[in-house]
Amino acid sequence: MTTETNSVLNTVKDAFAPVTEAFTKLQNMEVPEAAREFVKKQAETAKVRAADIHAGSEKVTAAIETAVAGSVSEAAKISRNIQDALYQDAEAFFAGIGQLASAKSFNEAVQIQSDMVRARGEVFVSRAKASSEYLGKLVADGARTAQDNFSKVYTKTA
């Protein structure tokens, strides 16, 4: 029985040997320098364009913020924070592409990708926490203002 089991296992191993060998070679395959350089250049160009767009949107937001006051100022702050977050995400993405382009093996690329995903997840959690705290403050301030206004109206009519 053991001999038959070993024979079946050896047959399966032999059948999948080419796949195993191909996968092993794929993991250690070198990425051509020209391909890595091309990706780096494209990522750098996109990064510069993202910076230009960010600078333009910053000017627009500043103009909006200057033109209006009060609650719109809060909207401008939120818009600016969103723009900054998008810009940071774009920068991180292009930096990650540059890192991936520098990977010389499949294993190195997988490690870089998993590090990037983990880091972006941490950023997402941090932003979600900050957003909920900010929203809570806005709601509390709004409720306080409404209560103050209601009190002023009530004392004038009484």
N, C-alpha and C. Protein backbone atom coordinates (compact mmCIF):
# COMPACT_ATOMS: atom_id res chain seq x y z
N MET A 1 0.83 -1.20 0.00
CA MET A 1 0.00 0.00 0.00
C MET A 1 0.87 1.26 0.00
N THR A 2 1.92 1.27 0.84
CA THR A 2 2.82 2.43 0.91
C THR A 2 3.55 2.61 -0.40
N THR A 3 3.95 1.53 -1.03
CA THR A 3 4.64 1.61 -2.31
C THR A 3 3.73 2.21 -3.37
N GLU A 4 2.45 1.79 -3.36
CA GLU A 4 1.49 2.33 -4.33
C GLU A 4 1.26 3.83 -4.09
N THR A 5 1.14 4.22 -2.82
CA THR A 5 0.94 5.64 -2.49
C THR A 5 2.15 6.45 -2.93
N ASN A 6 3.35 5.96 -2.64
CA ASN A 6 4.57 6.66 -3.06
C ASN A 6 4.65 6.74 -4.57
N SER A 7 4.23 5.70 -5.24
CA SER A 7 4.25 5.69 -6.70
C SER A 7 3.31 6.74 -7.26
N VAL A 8 2.12 6.85 -6.69
CA VAL A 8 1.15 7.85 -7.13
C VAL A 8 1.69 9.25 -6.87
N LEU A 9 2.27 9.46 -5.67
CA LEU A 9 2.83 10.78 -5.34
C LEU A 9 3.97 11.13 -6.28
N ASN A 10 4.81 10.19 -6.58
CA ASN A 10 5.92 10.45 -7.51
C ASN A 10 5.40 10.77 -8.91
N THR A 11 4.34 10.09 -9.32
CA THR A 11 3.76 10.36 -10.63
C THR A 11 3.20 11.78 -10.68
N VAL A 12 2.52 12.20 -9.62
CA VAL A 12 1.97 13.56 -9.54
C VAL A 12 3.10 14.58 -9.54
N LYS A 13 4.15 14.32 -8.75
CA LYS A 13 5.30 15.23 -8.71
C LYS A 13 5.94 15.35 -10.08
N ASP A 14 6.11 14.23 -10.75
CA ASP A 14 6.71 14.24 -12.08
C ASP A 14 5.82 15.00 -13.08
N ALA A 15 4.50 14.85 -12.94
CA ALA A 15 3.58 15.52 -13.86
C ALA A 15 3.63 17.04 -13.69
N PHE A 16 3.79 17.48 -12.45
CA PHE A 16 3.80 18.92 -12.19
C PHE A 16 5.21 19.52 -12.14
N ALA A 17 6.22 18.74 -12.38
CA ALA A 17 7.60 19.24 -12.34
C ALA A 17 7.83 20.40 -13.30
N PRO A 18 7.34 20.36 -14.55
CA PRO A 18 7.55 21.52 -15.43
C PRO A 18 6.91 22.79 -14.90
N VAL A 19 5.73 22.67 -14.31
CA VAL A 19 5.05 23.84 -13.76
C VAL A 19 5.84 24.40 -12.58
N THR A 20 6.29 23.52 -11.71
CA THR A 20 7.08 23.94 -10.55
C THR A 20 8.37 24.62 -11.00
N GLU A 21 9.02 24.04 -11.98
CA GLU A 21 10.27 24.61 -12.50
C GLU A 21 10.02 25.98 -13.13
N ALA A 22 8.94 26.10 -13.90
CA ALA A 22 8.62 27.38 -14.55
C ALA A 22 8.32 28.45 -13.50
N PHE A 23 7.58 28.09 -12.47
CA PHE A 23 7.25 29.05 -11.42
C PHE A 23 8.52 29.50 -10.69
N THR A 24 9.42 28.58 -10.43
CA THR A 24 10.69 28.92 -9.77
C THR A 24 11.50 29.89 -10.63
N LYS A 25 11.54 29.65 -11.92
CA LYS A 25 12.28 30.54 -12.83
C LYS A 25 11.61 31.91 -12.91
N LEU A 26 10.27 31.95 -12.89
CA LEU A 26 9.53 33.20 -12.98
C LEU A 26 9.83 34.08 -11.77
N GLN A 27 9.92 33.48 -10.59
CA GLN A 27 10.18 34.26 -9.38
C GLN A 27 11.53 34.96 -9.43
N ASN A 28 12.50 34.38 -10.07
CA ASN A 28 13.84 34.95 -10.09
C ASN A 28 14.18 35.62 -11.42
N MET A 29 13.18 35.79 -12.27
CA MET A 29 13.41 36.38 -13.58
C MET A 29 13.80 37.85 -13.43
N GLU A 30 14.81 38.26 -14.15
CA GLU A 30 15.27 39.65 -14.15
C GLU A 30 14.34 40.51 -14.99
N VAL A 31 14.01 41.70 -14.48
CA VAL A 31 13.24 42.66 -15.24
C VAL A 31 14.24 43.51 -16.01
N PRO A 32 14.08 43.65 -17.34
CA PRO A 32 15.05 44.40 -18.13
C PRO A 32 15.19 45.85 -17.65
N GLU A 33 16.42 46.36 -17.67
CA GLU A 33 16.72 47.72 -17.24
C GLU A 33 15.92 48.75 -18.04
N ALA A 34 15.80 48.54 -19.35
CA ALA A 34 15.08 49.48 -20.20
C ALA A 34 13.62 49.59 -19.76
N ALA A 35 13.01 48.48 -19.41
CA ALA A 35 11.62 48.49 -18.97
C ALA A 35 11.49 49.24 -17.65
N ARG A 36 12.42 49.01 -16.73
CA ARG A 36 12.39 49.70 -15.44
C ARG A 36 12.57 51.20 -15.64
N GLU A 37 13.49 51.59 -16.49
CA GLU A 37 13.74 53.01 -16.76
C GLU A 37 12.53 53.68 -17.40
N PHE A 38 11.88 52.98 -18.33
CA PHE A 38 10.69 53.52 -18.99
C PHE A 38 9.60 53.80 -17.96
N VAL A 39 9.35 52.85 -17.08
CA VAL A 39 8.32 53.00 -16.06
C VAL A 39 8.68 54.14 -15.11
N LYS A 40 9.96 54.23 -14.75
CA LYS A 40 10.39 55.31 -13.85
C LYS A 40 10.16 56.68 -14.49
N LYS A 41 10.51 56.81 -15.78
CA LYS A 41 10.33 58.09 -16.48
C LYS A 41 8.85 58.45 -16.57
N GLN A 42 8.01 57.48 -16.89
CA GLN A 42 6.58 57.74 -16.99
C GLN A 42 6.00 58.14 -15.64
N ALA A 43 6.45 57.48 -14.59
CA ALA A 43 5.97 57.80 -13.25
C ALA A 43 6.41 59.20 -12.85
N GLU A 44 7.64 59.57 -13.19
CA GLU A 44 8.14 60.91 -12.86
C GLU A 44 7.35 61.99 -13.62
N THR A 45 7.08 61.74 -14.89
CA THR A 45 6.29 62.69 -15.69
C THR A 45 4.89 62.85 -15.08
N ALA A 46 4.28 61.76 -14.74
CA ALA A 46 2.94 61.81 -14.14
C ALA A 46 2.98 62.53 -12.79
N LYS A 47 4.04 62.32 -12.05
CA LYS A 47 4.20 62.97 -10.74
C LYS A 47 4.29 64.49 -10.91
N VAL A 48 5.05 64.93 -11.92
CA VAL A 48 5.17 66.37 -12.20
C VAL A 48 3.81 66.94 -12.59
N ARG A 49 3.09 66.23 -13.44
CA ARG A 49 1.76 66.69 -13.85
C ARG A 49 0.80 66.77 -12.66
N ALA A 50 0.89 65.79 -11.78
CA ALA A 50 0.04 65.81 -10.58
C ALA A 50 0.38 67.02 -9.71
N ALA A 51 1.67 67.36 -9.61
CA ALA A 51 2.08 68.53 -8.83
C ALA A 51 1.54 69.81 -9.47
N ASP A 52 1.57 69.88 -10.80
CA ASP A 52 1.03 71.06 -11.50
C ASP A 52 -0.47 71.19 -11.26
N ILE A 53 -1.18 70.09 -11.35
CA ILE A 53 -2.63 70.10 -11.12
C ILE A 53 -2.92 70.52 -9.67
N HIS A 54 -2.12 69.98 -8.76
CA HIS A 54 -2.30 70.33 -7.35
C HIS A 54 -2.08 71.82 -7.13
N ALA A 55 -1.05 72.37 -7.73
CA ALA A 55 -0.76 73.80 -7.59
C ALA A 55 -1.92 74.63 -8.15
N GLY A 56 -2.44 74.23 -9.31
CA GLY A 56 -3.58 74.94 -9.89
C GLY A 56 -4.81 74.87 -9.02
N SER A 57 -5.10 73.69 -8.49
CA SER A 57 -6.29 73.54 -7.65
C SER A 57 -6.11 74.31 -6.34
N GLU A 58 -4.89 74.41 -5.87
CA GLU A 58 -4.61 75.19 -4.65
C GLU A 58 -4.93 76.67 -4.89
N LYS A 59 -4.57 77.17 -6.07
CA LYS A 59 -4.87 78.57 -6.41
C LYS A 59 -6.38 78.80 -6.49
N VAL A 60 -7.08 77.86 -7.11
CA VAL A 60 -8.54 77.98 -7.22
C VAL A 60 -9.18 77.97 -5.84
N THR A 61 -8.75 77.07 -4.99
CA THR A 61 -9.30 76.99 -3.64
C THR A 61 -9.01 78.26 -2.86
N ALA A 62 -7.81 78.80 -3.01
CA ALA A 62 -7.47 80.04 -2.32
C ALA A 62 -8.36 81.19 -2.79
N ALA A 63 -8.63 81.24 -4.10
CA ALA A 63 -9.51 82.29 -4.64
C ALA A 63 -10.92 82.15 -4.10
N ILE A 64 -11.42 80.92 -4.03
CA ILE A 64 -12.76 80.67 -3.49
C ILE A 64 -12.80 81.06 -2.01
N GLU A 65 -11.79 80.68 -1.28
CA GLU A 65 -11.74 80.95 0.15
C GLU A 65 -11.69 82.46 0.42
N THR A 66 -10.96 83.19 -0.42
CA THR A 66 -10.86 84.63 -0.26
C THR A 66 -12.18 85.31 -0.60
N ALA A 67 -12.89 84.80 -1.60
CA ALA A 67 -14.12 85.44 -2.07
C ALA A 67 -15.28 85.28 -1.09
N VAL A 68 -15.30 84.24 -0.31
CA VAL A 68 -16.44 84.00 0.58
C VAL A 68 -15.96 83.73 2.00
N ALA A 69 -16.87 83.79 2.95
CA ALA A 69 -16.50 83.59 4.36
C ALA A 69 -17.46 82.64 5.02
N GLY A 70 -17.25 82.44 6.31
CA GLY A 70 -18.17 81.64 7.12
C GLY A 70 -18.14 80.17 6.79
N SER A 71 -19.32 79.60 6.54
CA SER A 71 -19.44 78.17 6.32
C SER A 71 -18.75 77.74 5.03
N VAL A 72 -18.70 78.65 4.06
CA VAL A 72 -18.01 78.32 2.82
C VAL A 72 -16.52 78.16 3.08
N SER A 73 -16.00 78.89 4.06
CA SER A 73 -14.60 78.74 4.44
C SER A 73 -14.33 77.31 4.92
N GLU A 74 -15.29 76.76 5.66
CA GLU A 74 -15.15 75.36 6.10
C GLU A 74 -15.17 74.43 4.89
N ALA A 75 -16.03 74.72 3.93
CA ALA A 75 -16.09 73.90 2.72
C ALA A 75 -14.77 73.98 1.97
N ALA A 76 -14.16 75.16 1.94
CA ALA A 76 -12.87 75.32 1.27
C ALA A 76 -11.79 74.52 1.99
N LYS A 77 -11.85 74.51 3.33
CA LYS A 77 -10.88 73.72 4.10
C LYS A 77 -11.04 72.23 3.78
N ILE A 78 -12.30 71.81 3.71
CA ILE A 78 -12.56 70.40 3.39
C ILE A 78 -12.06 70.10 1.98
N SER A 79 -12.36 70.99 1.04
CA SER A 79 -11.90 70.81 -0.34
C SER A 79 -10.37 70.74 -0.40
N ARG A 80 -9.73 71.63 0.32
CA ARG A 80 -8.26 71.64 0.34
C ARG A 80 -7.71 70.33 0.93
N ASN A 81 -8.33 69.87 2.00
CA ASN A 81 -7.88 68.62 2.61
C ASN A 81 -8.07 67.44 1.65
N ILE A 82 -9.19 67.45 0.94
CA ILE A 82 -9.43 66.39 -0.03
C ILE A 82 -8.39 66.46 -1.15
N GLN A 83 -8.13 67.67 -1.63
CA GLN A 83 -7.13 67.84 -2.69
C GLN A 83 -5.75 67.39 -2.22
N ASP A 84 -5.40 67.76 -0.98
CA ASP A 84 -4.11 67.35 -0.44
C ASP A 84 -4.03 65.82 -0.32
N ALA A 85 -5.13 65.22 0.13
CA ALA A 85 -5.15 63.75 0.26
C ALA A 85 -5.01 63.09 -1.11
N LEU A 86 -5.72 63.63 -2.10
CA LEU A 86 -5.60 63.07 -3.46
C LEU A 86 -4.17 63.23 -3.98
N TYR A 87 -3.58 64.39 -3.74
CA TYR A 87 -2.21 64.62 -4.19
C TYR A 87 -1.24 63.67 -3.48
N GLN A 88 -1.41 63.51 -2.17
CA GLN A 88 -0.55 62.57 -1.43
C GLN A 88 -0.72 61.15 -1.95
N ASP A 89 -1.96 60.77 -2.26
CA ASP A 89 -2.22 59.44 -2.81
C ASP A 89 -1.54 59.28 -4.16
N ALA A 90 -1.62 60.32 -5.00
CA ALA A 90 -0.97 60.26 -6.32
C ALA A 90 0.53 60.16 -6.16
N GLU A 91 1.10 60.96 -5.26
CA GLU A 91 2.54 60.90 -5.03
C GLU A 91 2.96 59.51 -4.56
N ALA A 92 2.20 58.96 -3.60
CA ALA A 92 2.52 57.63 -3.08
C ALA A 92 2.40 56.58 -4.19
N PHE A 93 1.38 56.71 -5.04
CA PHE A 93 1.19 55.77 -6.14
C PHE A 93 2.37 55.80 -7.10
N PHE A 94 2.78 57.01 -7.50
CA PHE A 94 3.89 57.12 -8.45
C PHE A 94 5.21 56.72 -7.83
N ALA A 95 5.38 57.00 -6.54
CA ALA A 95 6.58 56.54 -5.85
C ALA A 95 6.59 55.00 -5.81
N GLY A 96 5.42 54.42 -5.57
CA GLY A 96 5.30 52.97 -5.56
C GLY A 96 5.61 52.36 -6.92
N ILE A 97 5.13 53.02 -7.98
CA ILE A 97 5.43 52.54 -9.33
C ILE A 97 6.94 52.57 -9.56
N GLY A 98 7.57 53.65 -9.11
CA GLY A 98 9.02 53.74 -9.24
C GLY A 98 9.72 52.63 -8.48
N GLN A 99 9.24 52.33 -7.28
CA GLN A 99 9.82 51.24 -6.51
C GLN A 99 9.60 49.90 -7.21
N LEU A 100 8.38 49.69 -7.71
CA LEU A 100 8.09 48.44 -8.42
C LEU A 100 8.97 48.31 -9.66
N ALA A 101 9.20 49.43 -10.34
CA ALA A 101 10.03 49.40 -11.55
C ALA A 101 11.47 49.05 -11.20
N SER A 102 11.87 49.32 -9.97
CA SER A 102 13.23 49.02 -9.55
C SER A 102 13.40 47.56 -9.12
N ALA A 103 12.29 46.86 -8.96
CA ALA A 103 12.36 45.47 -8.52
C ALA A 103 13.08 44.62 -9.57
N LYS A 104 14.00 43.84 -9.09
CA LYS A 104 14.78 43.01 -10.01
C LYS A 104 14.27 41.58 -10.07
N SER A 105 13.31 41.26 -9.20
CA SER A 105 12.73 39.91 -9.25
C SER A 105 11.25 39.98 -8.90
N PHE A 106 10.56 38.92 -9.21
CA PHE A 106 9.14 38.83 -8.92
C PHE A 106 8.91 38.89 -7.41
N ASN A 107 9.74 38.20 -6.65
CA ASN A 107 9.59 38.21 -5.18
C ASN A 107 9.75 39.60 -4.61
N GLU A 108 10.74 40.35 -5.10
CA GLU A 108 10.96 41.71 -4.63
C GLU A 108 9.75 42.59 -4.98
N ALA A 109 9.19 42.42 -6.15
CA ALA A 109 8.02 43.20 -6.57
C ALA A 109 6.82 42.88 -5.67
N VAL A 110 6.63 41.61 -5.34
CA VAL A 110 5.52 41.21 -4.47
C VAL A 110 5.70 41.84 -3.08
N GLN A 111 6.93 41.84 -2.57
CA GLN A 111 7.19 42.43 -1.25
C GLN A 111 6.93 43.93 -1.27
N ILE A 112 7.38 44.61 -2.31
CA ILE A 112 7.15 46.05 -2.44
C ILE A 112 5.65 46.33 -2.50
N GLN A 113 4.93 45.55 -3.29
CA GLN A 113 3.48 45.75 -3.43
C GLN A 113 2.78 45.54 -2.09
N SER A 114 3.13 44.50 -1.36
CA SER A 114 2.46 44.27 -0.08
C SER A 114 2.78 45.37 0.92
N ASP A 115 4.01 45.90 0.91
CA ASP A 115 4.36 47.02 1.78
C ASP A 115 3.55 48.26 1.43
N MET A 116 3.37 48.49 0.12
CA MET A 116 2.59 49.65 -0.34
C MET A 116 1.13 49.52 0.10
N VAL A 117 0.55 48.35 -0.06
CA VAL A 117 -0.85 48.13 0.31
C VAL A 117 -1.03 48.34 1.81
N ARG A 118 -0.10 47.82 2.61
CA ARG A 118 -0.18 47.97 4.06
C ARG A 118 -0.08 49.46 4.45
N ALA A 119 0.85 50.17 3.85
CA ALA A 119 1.03 51.59 4.16
C ALA A 119 -0.21 52.40 3.77
N ARG A 120 -0.79 52.13 2.60
CA ARG A 120 -1.98 52.86 2.16
C ARG A 120 -3.16 52.54 3.08
N GLY A 121 -3.23 51.30 3.57
CA GLY A 121 -4.29 50.95 4.52
C GLY A 121 -4.17 51.73 5.81
N GLU A 122 -2.94 51.89 6.29
CA GLU A 122 -2.72 52.68 7.51
C GLU A 122 -3.11 54.14 7.29
N VAL A 123 -2.78 54.67 6.13
CA VAL A 123 -3.15 56.05 5.81
C VAL A 123 -4.67 56.18 5.77
N PHE A 124 -5.35 55.21 5.15
CA PHE A 124 -6.81 55.25 5.06
C PHE A 124 -7.44 55.26 6.45
N VAL A 125 -6.97 54.42 7.34
CA VAL A 125 -7.52 54.36 8.70
C VAL A 125 -7.28 55.70 9.41
N SER A 126 -6.09 56.25 9.26
CA SER A 126 -5.76 57.53 9.88
C SER A 126 -6.67 58.64 9.36
N ARG A 127 -6.88 58.67 8.04
CA ARG A 127 -7.76 59.69 7.46
C ARG A 127 -9.21 59.51 7.92
N ALA A 128 -9.66 58.29 7.99
CA ALA A 128 -11.03 58.03 8.43
C ALA A 128 -11.23 58.52 9.87
N LYS A 129 -10.25 58.27 10.71
CA LYS A 129 -10.32 58.72 12.10
C LYS A 129 -10.34 60.24 12.17
N ALA A 130 -9.44 60.89 11.44
CA ALA A 130 -9.38 62.36 11.45
C ALA A 130 -10.68 62.95 10.89
N SER A 131 -11.22 62.34 9.85
CA SER A 131 -12.47 62.83 9.25
C SER A 131 -13.63 62.72 10.23
N SER A 132 -13.72 61.61 10.93
CA SER A 132 -14.83 61.44 11.86
C SER A 132 -14.70 62.42 13.04
N GLU A 133 -13.47 62.67 13.50
CA GLU A 133 -13.28 63.65 14.57
C GLU A 133 -13.67 65.05 14.09
N TYR A 134 -13.25 65.40 12.88
CA TYR A 134 -13.57 66.71 12.31
C TYR A 134 -15.07 66.87 12.13
N LEU A 135 -15.72 65.86 11.58
CA LEU A 135 -17.16 65.91 11.38
C LEU A 135 -17.89 66.03 12.72
N GLY A 136 -17.43 65.29 13.72
CA GLY A 136 -18.04 65.38 15.05
C GLY A 136 -17.92 66.79 15.62
N LYS A 137 -16.76 67.42 15.42
CA LYS A 137 -16.56 68.80 15.89
C LYS A 137 -17.50 69.75 15.15
N LEU A 138 -17.61 69.59 13.82
CA LEU A 138 -18.51 70.46 13.06
C LEU A 138 -19.95 70.31 13.52
N VAL A 139 -20.39 69.09 13.73
CA VAL A 139 -21.77 68.85 14.18
C VAL A 139 -21.99 69.47 15.56
N ALA A 140 -21.03 69.27 16.45
CA ALA A 140 -21.17 69.83 17.81
C ALA A 140 -21.19 71.35 17.76
N ASP A 141 -20.31 71.94 16.97
CA ASP A 141 -20.30 73.41 16.83
C ASP A 141 -21.59 73.91 16.21
N GLY A 142 -22.07 73.21 15.18
CA GLY A 142 -23.34 73.59 14.55
C GLY A 142 -24.50 73.51 15.51
N ALA A 143 -24.54 72.45 16.32
CA ALA A 143 -25.62 72.29 17.30
C ALA A 143 -25.54 73.38 18.35
N ARG A 144 -24.33 73.71 18.78
CA ARG A 144 -24.14 74.77 19.79
C ARG A 144 -24.61 76.12 19.22
N THR A 145 -24.24 76.40 17.98
CA THR A 145 -24.65 77.65 17.34
C THR A 145 -26.17 77.71 17.21
N ALA A 146 -26.78 76.61 16.78
CA ALA A 146 -28.24 76.57 16.64
C ALA A 146 -28.91 76.77 18.00
N GLN A 147 -28.36 76.16 19.04
CA GLN A 147 -28.93 76.31 20.38
C GLN A 147 -28.79 77.76 20.85
N ASP A 148 -27.65 78.37 20.60
CA ASP A 148 -27.44 79.77 20.98
C ASP A 148 -28.43 80.67 20.24
N ASN A 149 -28.59 80.43 18.95
CA ASN A 149 -29.54 81.23 18.16
C ASN A 149 -30.96 81.03 18.65
N PHE A 150 -31.32 79.79 18.97
CA PHE A 150 -32.66 79.51 19.47
C PHE A 150 -32.88 80.21 20.81
N SER A 151 -31.86 80.20 21.67
CA SER A 151 -31.97 80.87 22.97
C SER A 151 -32.17 82.37 22.80
N LYS A 152 -31.45 82.97 21.84
CA LYS A 152 -31.59 84.41 21.59
C LYS A 152 -32.99 84.74 21.08
N VAL A 153 -33.51 83.90 20.19
CA VAL A 153 -34.85 84.12 19.67
C VAL A 153 -35.87 83.95 20.78
N TYR A 154 -35.71 82.95 21.62
CA TYR A 154 -36.67 82.66 22.70
C TYR A 154 -36.68 83.79 23.72
N THR A 155 -35.50 84.32 24.10
CA THR A 155 -35.46 85.38 25.10
C THR A 155 -36.05 86.69 24.56
N LYS A 156 -35.95 86.92 23.24
CA LYS A 156 -36.51 88.14 22.65
C LYS A 156 -38.03 88.07 22.60
N THR A 157 -38.59 86.88 22.44
CA THR A 157 -40.05 86.74 22.33
C THR A 157 -40.70 86.61 23.68
N ALA A 158 -39.96 86.26 24.70
CA ALA A 158 -40.55 86.03 26.02
C ALA A 158 -40.74 87.29 26.82
